[in-house]
Amino acid sequence: MSITIEEVRKIAFLARLRLTAEEEERYAGQLSAILQYAARLQEVDTSLIPPTATVLPLKAPLREDIARPSTPRDLILSNAPATEEGMFRVLPVLDSEP
């Protein structure tokens, strides 16, 4: 399948690109080559291959869920600009009046 210059211009317009005449010619050739390669891939017989979501083995990259001590609260709060009763103190973000 071959892409025409008019099709390249339409694609460039939709992509909000300004192309020179030389670029239009180059992209027409490149896009045509891509479509020809895709057409070749359509010729491959895949009838015996089951549909798959991935070609990689399914492996969850999760760590073991092991309980461990957390960072001490005093150390976490030591960098806070303001604290109150062991918590971060922040300025109100909503007015109290409706």
PDB file of N, CA and C in Angstrom:
ATOM      1  N   MET A   1       0.851  -1.180   0.000  1.00  0.00           N
ATOM      2  CA  MET A   1       0.000   0.000   0.000  1.00  0.00           C
ATOM      3  C   MET A   1       0.894   1.239   0.000  1.00  0.00           C
ATOM      4  N   SER A   2       0.499   2.192  -0.759  1.00  0.00           N
ATOM      5  CA  SER A   2       1.295   3.396  -0.902  1.00  0.00           C
ATOM      6  C   SER A   2       0.519   4.602  -0.361  1.00  0.00           C
ATOM      7  N   ILE A   3       1.211   5.458   0.353  1.00  0.00           N
ATOM      8  CA  ILE A   3       0.620   6.680   0.910  1.00  0.00           C
ATOM      9  C   ILE A   3       0.846   7.821  -0.081  1.00  0.00           C
ATOM     10  N   THR A   4      -0.194   8.568  -0.357  1.00  0.00           N
ATOM     11  CA  THR A   4      -0.063   9.699  -1.277  1.00  0.00           C
ATOM     12  C   THR A   4       0.371  10.951  -0.514  1.00  0.00           C
ATOM     13  N   ILE A   5       0.812  11.937  -1.269  1.00  0.00           N
ATOM     14  CA  ILE A   5       1.206  13.215  -0.681  1.00  0.00           C
ATOM     15  C   ILE A   5       0.004  13.862  -0.002  1.00  0.00           C
ATOM     16  N   GLU A   6      -1.174  13.729  -0.604  1.00  0.00           N
ATOM     17  CA  GLU A   6      -2.386  14.310  -0.002  1.00  0.00           C
ATOM     18  C   GLU A   6      -2.681  13.677   1.356  1.00  0.00           C
ATOM     19  N   GLU A   7      -2.470  12.368   1.462  1.00  0.00           N
ATOM     20  CA  GLU A   7      -2.686  11.692   2.750  1.00  0.00           C
ATOM     21  C   GLU A   7      -1.664  12.159   3.781  1.00  0.00           C
ATOM     22  N   VAL A   8      -0.435  12.352   3.355  1.00  0.00           N
ATOM     23  CA  VAL A   8       0.594  12.876   4.260  1.00  0.00           C
ATOM     24  C   VAL A   8       0.202  14.275   4.728  1.00  0.00           C
ATOM     25  N   ARG A   9      -0.294  15.095   3.820  1.00  0.00           N
ATOM     26  CA  ARG A   9      -0.720  16.453   4.193  1.00  0.00           C
ATOM     27  C   ARG A   9      -1.868  16.420   5.196  1.00  0.00           C
ATOM     28  N   LYS A  10      -2.810  15.494   4.984  1.00  0.00           N
ATOM     29  CA  LYS A  10      -3.943  15.382   5.912  1.00  0.00           C
ATOM     30  C   LYS A  10      -3.460  14.934   7.296  1.00  0.00           C
ATOM     31  N   ILE A  11      -2.560  13.950   7.334  1.00  0.00           N
ATOM     32  CA  ILE A  11      -2.002  13.481   8.612  1.00  0.00           C
ATOM     33  C   ILE A  11      -1.242  14.614   9.297  1.00  0.00           C
ATOM     34  N   ALA A  12      -0.460  15.357   8.525  1.00  0.00           N
ATOM     35  CA  ALA A  12       0.299  16.483   9.084  1.00  0.00           C
ATOM     36  C   ALA A  12      -0.646  17.544   9.624  1.00  0.00           C
ATOM     37  N   PHE A  13      -1.738  17.799   8.925  1.00  0.00           N
ATOM     38  CA  PHE A  13      -2.721  18.777   9.384  1.00  0.00           C
ATOM     39  C   PHE A  13      -3.335  18.328  10.707  1.00  0.00           C
ATOM     40  N   LEU A  14      -3.713  17.053  10.791  1.00  0.00           N
ATOM     41  CA  LEU A  14      -4.312  16.534  12.024  1.00  0.00           C
ATOM     42  C   LEU A  14      -3.320  16.558  13.183  1.00  0.00           C
ATOM     43  N   ALA A  15      -2.040  16.371  12.862  1.00  0.00           N
ATOM     44  CA  ALA A  15      -1.001  16.386  13.897  1.00  0.00           C
ATOM     45  C   ALA A  15      -0.466  17.786  14.144  1.00  0.00           C
ATOM     46  N   ARG A  16      -1.024  18.766  13.451  1.00  0.00           N
ATOM     47  CA  ARG A  16      -0.606  20.169  13.579  1.00  0.00           C
ATOM     48  C   ARG A  16       0.881  20.334  13.267  1.00  0.00           C
ATOM     49  N   LEU A  17       1.303  19.716  12.160  1.00  0.00           N
ATOM     50  CA  LEU A  17       2.692  19.806  11.718  1.00  0.00           C
ATOM     51  C   LEU A  17       2.778  20.601  10.426  1.00  0.00           C
ATOM     52  N   ARG A  18       3.804  21.400  10.307  1.00  0.00           N
ATOM     53  CA  ARG A  18       4.092  22.093   9.054  1.00  0.00           C
ATOM     54  C   ARG A  18       5.244  21.349   8.388  1.00  0.00           C
ATOM     55  N   LEU A  19       4.979  20.817   7.215  1.00  0.00           N
ATOM     56  CA  LEU A  19       6.006  20.052   6.519  1.00  0.00           C
ATOM     57  C   LEU A  19       6.395  20.769   5.230  1.00  0.00           C
ATOM     58  N   THR A  20       7.662  20.655   4.907  1.00  0.00           N
ATOM     59  CA  THR A  20       8.118  21.161   3.622  1.00  0.00           C
ATOM     60  C   THR A  20       7.781  20.117   2.560  1.00  0.00           C
ATOM     61  N   ALA A  21       7.892  20.487   1.298  1.00  0.00           N
ATOM     62  CA  ALA A  21       7.626  19.544   0.204  1.00  0.00           C
ATOM     63  C   ALA A  21       8.572  18.353   0.285  1.00  0.00           C
ATOM     64  N   GLU A  22       9.818  18.625   0.663  1.00  0.00           N
ATOM     65  CA  GLU A  22      10.800  17.540   0.802  1.00  0.00           C
ATOM     66  C   GLU A  22      10.394  16.579   1.919  1.00  0.00           C
ATOM     67  N   GLU A  23       9.936  17.119   3.041  1.00  0.00           N
ATOM     68  CA  GLU A  23       9.506  16.276   4.157  1.00  0.00           C
ATOM     69  C   GLU A  23       8.264  15.460   3.788  1.00  0.00           C
ATOM     70  N   GLU A  24       7.344  16.070   3.043  1.00  0.00           N
ATOM     71  CA  GLU A  24       6.152  15.336   2.609  1.00  0.00           C
ATOM     72  C   GLU A  24       6.545  14.126   1.762  1.00  0.00           C
ATOM     73  N   GLU A  25       7.476  14.311   0.857  1.00  0.00           N
ATOM     74  CA  GLU A  25       7.953  13.203   0.015  1.00  0.00           C
ATOM     75  C   GLU A  25       8.608  12.117   0.873  1.00  0.00           C
ATOM     76  N   ARG A  26       9.473  12.548   1.795  1.00  0.00           N
ATOM     77  CA  ARG A  26      10.190  11.595   2.643  1.00  0.00           C
ATOM     78  C   ARG A  26       9.207  10.808   3.506  1.00  0.00           C
ATOM     79  N   TYR A  27       8.253  11.510   4.135  1.00  0.00           N
ATOM     80  CA  TYR A  27       7.290  10.825   4.996  1.00  0.00           C
ATOM     81  C   TYR A  27       6.357   9.920   4.208  1.00  0.00           C
ATOM     82  N   ALA A  28       6.020  10.292   2.994  1.00  0.00           N
ATOM     83  CA  ALA A  28       5.193   9.426   2.153  1.00  0.00           C
ATOM     84  C   ALA A  28       5.910   8.103   1.924  1.00  0.00           C
ATOM     85  N   GLY A  29       7.196   8.164   1.627  1.00  0.00           N
ATOM     86  CA  GLY A  29       7.984   6.941   1.431  1.00  0.00           C
ATOM     87  C   GLY A  29       8.104   6.121   2.696  1.00  0.00           C
ATOM     88  N   GLN A  30       8.379   6.796   3.818  1.00  0.00           N
ATOM     89  CA  GLN A  30       8.554   6.079   5.080  1.00  0.00           C
ATOM     90  C   GLN A  30       7.248   5.431   5.538  1.00  0.00           C
ATOM     91  N   LEU A  31       6.143   6.175   5.449  1.00  0.00           N
ATOM     92  CA  LEU A  31       4.856   5.615   5.865  1.00  0.00           C
ATOM     93  C   LEU A  31       4.431   4.474   4.945  1.00  0.00           C
ATOM     94  N   SER A  32       4.709   4.582   3.662  1.00  0.00           N
ATOM     95  CA  SER A  32       4.398   3.499   2.727  1.00  0.00           C
ATOM     96  C   SER A  32       5.192   2.242   3.089  1.00  0.00           C
ATOM     97  N   ALA A  33       6.459   2.417   3.433  1.00  0.00           N
ATOM     98  CA  ALA A  33       7.288   1.271   3.816  1.00  0.00           C
ATOM     99  C   ALA A  33       6.752   0.605   5.068  1.00  0.00           C
ATOM    100  N   ILE A  34       6.294   1.390   6.026  1.00  0.00           N
ATOM    101  CA  ILE A  34       5.731   0.829   7.264  1.00  0.00           C
ATOM    102  C   ILE A  34       4.476   0.020   6.952  1.00  0.00           C
ATOM    103  N   LEU A  35       3.605   0.570   6.104  1.00  0.00           N
ATOM    104  CA  LEU A  35       2.374  -0.137   5.755  1.00  0.00           C
ATOM    105  C   LEU A  35       2.662  -1.406   4.958  1.00  0.00           C
ATOM    106  N   GLN A  36       3.670  -1.386   4.095  1.00  0.00           N
ATOM    107  CA  GLN A  36       4.042  -2.587   3.349  1.00  0.00           C
ATOM    108  C   GLN A  36       4.558  -3.671   4.293  1.00  0.00           C
ATOM    109  N   TYR A  37       5.313  -3.273   5.303  1.00  0.00           N
ATOM    110  CA  TYR A  37       5.814  -4.242   6.283  1.00  0.00           C
ATOM    111  C   TYR A  37       4.648  -4.824   7.084  1.00  0.00           C
ATOM    112  N   ALA A  38       3.698  -3.978   7.473  1.00  0.00           N
ATOM    113  CA  ALA A  38       2.533  -4.466   8.208  1.00  0.00           C
ATOM    114  C   ALA A  38       1.729  -5.434   7.344  1.00  0.00           C
ATOM    115  N   ALA A  39       1.631  -5.167   6.052  1.00  0.00           N
ATOM    116  CA  ALA A  39       0.922  -6.074   5.149  1.00  0.00           C
ATOM    117  C   ALA A  39       1.635  -7.420   5.067  1.00  0.00           C
ATOM    118  N   ARG A  40       2.955  -7.402   5.075  1.00  0.00           N
ATOM    119  CA  ARG A  40       3.712  -8.670   5.083  1.00  0.00           C
ATOM    120  C   ARG A  40       3.431  -9.456   6.345  1.00  0.00           C
ATOM    121  N   LEU A  41       3.306  -8.773   7.481  1.00  0.00           N
ATOM    122  CA  LEU A  41       3.018  -9.465   8.731  1.00  0.00           C
ATOM    123  C   LEU A  41       1.633 -10.116   8.713  1.00  0.00           C
ATOM    124  N   GLN A  42       0.693  -9.514   7.975  1.00  0.00           N
ATOM    125  CA  GLN A  42      -0.652 -10.078   7.867  1.00  0.00           C
ATOM    126  C   GLN A  42      -0.641 -11.424   7.138  1.00  0.00           C
ATOM    127  N   GLU A  43       0.385 -11.677   6.349  1.00  0.00           N
ATOM    128  CA  GLU A  43       0.476 -12.925   5.595  1.00  0.00           C
ATOM    129  C   GLU A  43       0.944 -14.093   6.448  1.00  0.00           C
ATOM    130  N   VAL A  44       1.471 -13.841   7.640  1.00  0.00           N
ATOM    131  CA  VAL A  44       1.980 -14.903   8.501  1.00  0.00           C
ATOM    132  C   VAL A  44       0.807 -15.704   9.054  1.00  0.00           C
ATOM    133  N   ASP A  45       0.906 -17.033   8.964  1.00  0.00           N
ATOM    134  CA  ASP A  45      -0.149 -17.908   9.475  1.00  0.00           C
ATOM    135  C   ASP A  45      -0.021 -18.029  10.989  1.00  0.00           C
ATOM    136  N   THR A  46      -0.980 -17.478  11.710  1.00  0.00           N
ATOM    137  CA  THR A  46      -0.979 -17.541  13.174  1.00  0.00           C
ATOM    138  C   THR A  46      -2.158 -18.354  13.700  1.00  0.00           C
ATOM    139  N   SER A  47      -2.751 -19.168  12.845  1.00  0.00           N
ATOM    140  CA  SER A  47      -3.953 -19.909  13.238  1.00  0.00           C
ATOM    141  C   SER A  47      -3.687 -20.905  14.368  1.00  0.00           C
ATOM    142  N   LEU A  48      -2.475 -21.417  14.490  1.00  0.00           N
ATOM    143  CA  LEU A  48      -2.161 -22.392  15.533  1.00  0.00           C
ATOM    144  C   LEU A  48      -1.628 -21.751  16.810  1.00  0.00           C
ATOM    145  N   ILE A  49      -1.531 -20.460  16.834  1.00  0.00           N
ATOM    146  CA  ILE A  49      -1.007 -19.759  18.009  1.00  0.00           C
ATOM    147  C   ILE A  49      -2.171 -19.202  18.811  1.00  0.00           C
ATOM    148  N   PRO A  50      -2.279 -19.594  20.081  1.00  0.00           N
ATOM    149  CA  PRO A  50      -3.395 -19.085  20.890  1.00  0.00           C
ATOM    150  C   PRO A  50      -3.218 -17.596  21.198  1.00  0.00           C
ATOM    151  N   PRO A  51      -4.323 -16.880  21.337  1.00  0.00           N
ATOM    152  CA  PRO A  51      -4.227 -15.458  21.699  1.00  0.00           C
ATOM    153  C   PRO A  51      -3.546 -15.299  23.058  1.00  0.00           C
ATOM    154  N   THR A  52      -2.661 -14.336  23.155  1.00  0.00           N
ATOM    155  CA  THR A  52      -1.961 -14.080  24.414  1.00  0.00           C
ATOM    156  C   THR A  52      -1.931 -12.584  24.685  1.00  0.00           C
ATOM    157  N   ALA A  53      -1.838 -12.256  25.972  1.00  0.00           N
ATOM    158  CA  ALA A  53      -1.733 -10.859  26.362  1.00  0.00           C
ATOM    159  C   ALA A  53      -0.275 -10.420  26.399  1.00  0.00           C
ATOM    160  N   THR A  54       0.622 -11.358  26.616  1.00  0.00           N
ATOM    161  CA  THR A  54       2.041 -11.033  26.694  1.00  0.00           C
ATOM    162  C   THR A  54       2.856 -12.251  26.291  1.00  0.00           C
ATOM    163  N   VAL A  55       4.045 -12.025  25.792  1.00  0.00           N
ATOM    164  CA  VAL A  55       4.923 -13.138  25.450  1.00  0.00           C
ATOM    165  C   VAL A  55       5.879 -13.455  26.597  1.00  0.00           C
ATOM    166  N   LEU A  56       5.846 -12.637  27.619  1.00  0.00           N
ATOM    167  CA  LEU A  56       6.727 -12.831  28.761  1.00  0.00           C
ATOM    168  C   LEU A  56       6.044 -13.706  29.799  1.00  0.00           C
ATOM    169  N   PRO A  57       6.808 -14.448  30.587  1.00  0.00           N
ATOM    170  CA  PRO A  57       6.184 -15.252  31.628  1.00  0.00           C
ATOM    171  C   PRO A  57       5.525 -14.354  32.675  1.00  0.00           C
ATOM    172  N   LEU A  58       4.398 -14.818  33.201  1.00  0.00           N
ATOM    173  CA  LEU A  58       3.696 -14.039  34.205  1.00  0.00           C
ATOM    174  C   LEU A  58       4.412 -14.177  35.546  1.00  0.00           C
ATOM    175  N   LYS A  59       4.899 -13.084  36.044  1.00  0.00           N
ATOM    176  CA  LYS A  59       5.601 -13.079  37.313  1.00  0.00           C
ATOM    177  C   LYS A  59       5.343 -11.730  37.961  1.00  0.00           C
ATOM    178  N   ALA A  60       4.739 -11.770  39.127  1.00  0.00           N
ATOM    179  CA  ALA A  60       4.462 -10.526  39.838  1.00  0.00           C
ATOM    180  C   ALA A  60       5.750 -10.050  40.514  1.00  0.00           C
ATOM    181  N   PRO A  61       6.210  -8.861  40.198  1.00  0.00           N
ATOM    182  CA  PRO A  61       7.454  -8.371  40.806  1.00  0.00           C
ATOM    183  C   PRO A  61       7.211  -7.778  42.189  1.00  0.00           C
ATOM    184  N   LEU A  62       6.554  -8.527  43.043  1.00  0.00           N
ATOM    185  CA  LEU A  62       6.247  -8.039  44.378  1.00  0.00           C
ATOM    186  C   LEU A  62       7.174  -8.676  45.396  1.00  0.00           C
ATOM    187  N   ARG A  63       7.459  -7.952  46.440  1.00  0.00           N
ATOM    188  CA  ARG A  63       8.298  -8.502  47.494  1.00  0.00           C
ATOM    189  C   ARG A  63       7.431  -9.299  48.456  1.00  0.00           C
ATOM    190  N   GLU A  64       8.054 -10.083  49.266  1.00  0.00           N
ATOM    191  CA  GLU A  64       7.334 -10.831  50.287  1.00  0.00           C
ATOM    192  C   GLU A  64       6.681  -9.853  51.264  1.00  0.00           C
ATOM    193  N   ASP A  65       5.491 -10.176  51.697  1.00  0.00           N
ATOM    194  CA  ASP A  65       4.779  -9.328  52.652  1.00  0.00           C
ATOM    195  C   ASP A  65       5.213  -9.739  54.060  1.00  0.00           C
ATOM    196  N   ILE A  66       6.263  -9.085  54.530  1.00  0.00           N
ATOM    197  CA  ILE A  66       6.840  -9.421  55.830  1.00  0.00           C
ATOM    198  C   ILE A  66       6.703  -8.208  56.742  1.00  0.00           C
ATOM    199  N   ALA A  67       6.171  -8.445  57.928  1.00  0.00           N
ATOM    200  CA  ALA A  67       6.043  -7.350  58.895  1.00  0.00           C
ATOM    201  C   ALA A  67       7.430  -6.955  59.379  1.00  0.00           C
ATOM    202  N   ARG A  68       7.664  -5.662  59.432  1.00  0.00           N
ATOM    203  CA  ARG A  68       8.937  -5.160  59.938  1.00  0.00           C
ATOM    204  C   ARG A  68       8.681  -3.830  60.628  1.00  0.00           C
ATOM    205  N   PRO A  69       9.555  -3.426  61.502  1.00  0.00           N
ATOM    206  CA  PRO A  69       9.311  -2.192  62.238  1.00  0.00           C
ATOM    207  C   PRO A  69       9.334  -0.971  61.320  1.00  0.00           C
ATOM    208  N   SER A  70       8.477  -0.024  61.624  1.00  0.00           N
ATOM    209  CA  SER A  70       8.429   1.193  60.828  1.00  0.00           C
ATOM    210  C   SER A  70       9.389   2.229  61.404  1.00  0.00           C
ATOM    211  N   THR A  71       9.552   3.316  60.691  1.00  0.00           N
ATOM    212  CA  THR A  71      10.406   4.401  61.151  1.00  0.00           C
ATOM    213  C   THR A  71       9.767   5.032  62.390  1.00  0.00           C
ATOM    214  N   PRO A  72      10.549   5.312  63.421  1.00  0.00           N
ATOM    215  CA  PRO A  72       9.983   5.909  64.636  1.00  0.00           C
ATOM    216  C   PRO A  72       9.286   7.240  64.341  1.00  0.00           C
ATOM    217  N   ARG A  73       8.147   7.449  64.981  1.00  0.00           N
ATOM    218  CA  ARG A  73       7.345   8.647  64.758  1.00  0.00           C
ATOM    219  C   ARG A  73       8.138   9.918  65.045  1.00  0.00           C
ATOM    220  N   ASP A  74       8.911   9.925  66.119  1.00  0.00           N
ATOM    221  CA  ASP A  74       9.687  11.124  66.467  1.00  0.00           C
ATOM    222  C   ASP A  74      10.661  11.498  65.346  1.00  0.00           C
ATOM    223  N   LEU A  75      11.252  10.509  64.720  1.00  0.00           N
ATOM    224  CA  LEU A  75      12.187  10.779  63.630  1.00  0.00           C
ATOM    225  C   LEU A  75      11.441  11.364  62.423  1.00  0.00           C
ATOM    226  N   ILE A  76      10.279  10.841  62.118  1.00  0.00           N
ATOM    227  CA  ILE A  76       9.481  11.348  60.994  1.00  0.00           C
ATOM    228  C   ILE A  76       9.031  12.780  61.279  1.00  0.00           C
ATOM    229  N   LEU A  77       8.551  13.040  62.483  1.00  0.00           N
ATOM    230  CA  LEU A  77       8.046  14.364  62.817  1.00  0.00           C
ATOM    231  C   LEU A  77       9.144  15.394  63.059  1.00  0.00           C
ATOM    232  N   SER A  78      10.384  14.956  63.171  1.00  0.00           N
ATOM    233  CA  SER A  78      11.465  15.891  63.470  1.00  0.00           C
ATOM    234  C   SER A  78      11.690  16.901  62.344  1.00  0.00           C
ATOM    235  N   ASN A  79      11.307  16.580  61.119  1.00  0.00           N
ATOM    236  CA  ASN A  79      11.480  17.499  59.992  1.00  0.00           C
ATOM    237  C   ASN A  79      10.238  18.326  59.702  1.00  0.00           C
ATOM    238  N   ALA A  80       9.157  18.093  60.430  1.00  0.00           N
ATOM    239  CA  ALA A  80       7.913  18.814  60.169  1.00  0.00           C
ATOM    240  C   ALA A  80       8.016  20.240  60.699  1.00  0.00           C
ATOM    241  N   PRO A  81       7.454  21.213  59.970  1.00  0.00           N
ATOM    242  CA  PRO A  81       7.490  22.593  60.456  1.00  0.00           C
ATOM    243  C   PRO A  81       6.667  22.779  61.720  1.00  0.00           C
ATOM    244  N   ALA A  82       5.592  21.989  61.884  1.00  0.00           N
ATOM    245  CA  ALA A  82       4.761  22.096  63.076  1.00  0.00           C
ATOM    246  C   ALA A  82       4.132  20.745  63.370  1.00  0.00           C
ATOM    247  N   THR A  83       4.079  20.387  64.654  1.00  0.00           N
ATOM    248  CA  THR A  83       3.436  19.142  65.081  1.00  0.00           C
ATOM    249  C   THR A  83       2.515  19.439  66.253  1.00  0.00           C
ATOM    250  N   GLU A  84       1.587  18.519  66.457  1.00  0.00           N
ATOM    251  CA  GLU A  84       0.668  18.651  67.589  1.00  0.00           C
ATOM    252  C   GLU A  84       0.177  17.259  67.972  1.00  0.00           C
ATOM    253  N   GLU A  85       0.411  16.875  69.209  1.00  0.00           N
ATOM    254  CA  GLU A  85      -0.013  15.585  69.757  1.00  0.00           C
ATOM    255  C   GLU A  85       0.449  14.414  68.894  1.00  0.00           C
ATOM    256  N   GLY A  86       1.702  14.459  68.434  1.00  0.00           N
ATOM    257  CA  GLY A  86       2.271  13.358  67.664  1.00  0.00           C
ATOM    258  C   GLY A  86       1.809  13.299  66.218  1.00  0.00           C
ATOM    259  N   MET A  87       1.281  14.399  65.703  1.00  0.00           N
ATOM    260  CA  MET A  87       0.806  14.434  64.314  1.00  0.00           C
ATOM    261  C   MET A  87       1.343  15.680  63.628  1.00  0.00           C
ATOM    262  N   PHE A  88       1.292  15.677  62.300  1.00  0.00           N
ATOM    263  CA  PHE A  88       1.643  16.864  61.547  1.00  0.00           C
ATOM    264  C   PHE A  88       0.558  17.912  61.763  1.00  0.00           C
ATOM    265  N   ARG A  89       0.975  19.146  61.978  1.00  0.00           N
ATOM    266  CA  ARG A  89       0.010  20.238  62.091  1.00  0.00           C
ATOM    267  C   ARG A  89       0.089  21.037  60.800  1.00  0.00           C
ATOM    268  N   VAL A  90      -1.073  21.183  60.150  1.00  0.00           N
ATOM    269  CA  VAL A  90      -1.126  21.921  58.896  1.00  0.00           C
ATOM    270  C   VAL A  90      -2.163  23.020  58.999  1.00  0.00           C
ATOM    271  N   LEU A  91      -1.998  24.015  58.165  1.00  0.00           N
ATOM    272  CA  LEU A  91      -2.983  25.088  58.136  1.00  0.00           C
ATOM    273  C   LEU A  91      -4.281  24.584  57.544  1.00  0.00           C
ATOM    274  N   PRO A  92      -5.409  25.144  57.973  1.00  0.00           N
ATOM    275  CA  PRO A  92      -6.696  24.703  57.398  1.00  0.00           C
ATOM    276  C   PRO A  92      -6.729  25.012  55.895  1.00  0.00           C
ATOM    277  N   VAL A  93      -7.318  24.100  55.155  1.00  0.00           N
ATOM    278  CA  VAL A  93      -7.422  24.301  53.714  1.00  0.00           C
ATOM    279  C   VAL A  93      -8.848  24.638  53.280  1.00  0.00           C
ATOM    280  N   LEU A  94      -9.791  24.439  54.157  1.00  0.00           N
ATOM    281  CA  LEU A  94     -11.183  24.795  53.886  1.00  0.00           C
ATOM    282  C   LEU A  94     -11.666  25.795  54.913  1.00  0.00           C
ATOM    283  N   ASP A  95     -12.473  26.739  54.501  1.00  0.00           N
ATOM    284  CA  ASP A  95     -13.054  27.680  55.458  1.00  0.00           C
ATOM    285  C   ASP A  95     -14.030  26.937  56.354  1.00  0.00           C
ATOM    286  N   SER A  96     -14.134  27.390  57.591  1.00  0.00           N
ATOM    287  CA  SER A  96     -15.075  26.740  58.515  1.00  0.00           C
ATOM    288  C   SER A  96     -16.492  27.195  58.270  1.00  0.00           C
ATOM    289  N   GLU A  97     -16.661  28.286  57.534  1.00  0.00           N
ATOM    290  CA  GLU A  97     -18.006  28.775  57.221  1.00  0.00           C
ATOM    291  C   GLU A  97     -18.464  28.187  55.895  1.00  0.00           C
ATOM    292  N   PRO A  98     -19.775  27.831  55.803  1.00  0.00           N
ATOM    293  CA  PRO A  98     -20.264  27.241  54.547  1.00  0.00           C
ATOM    294  C   PRO A  98     -20.327  28.222  53.412  1.00  0.00           C
TER     295      PRO A  98
END
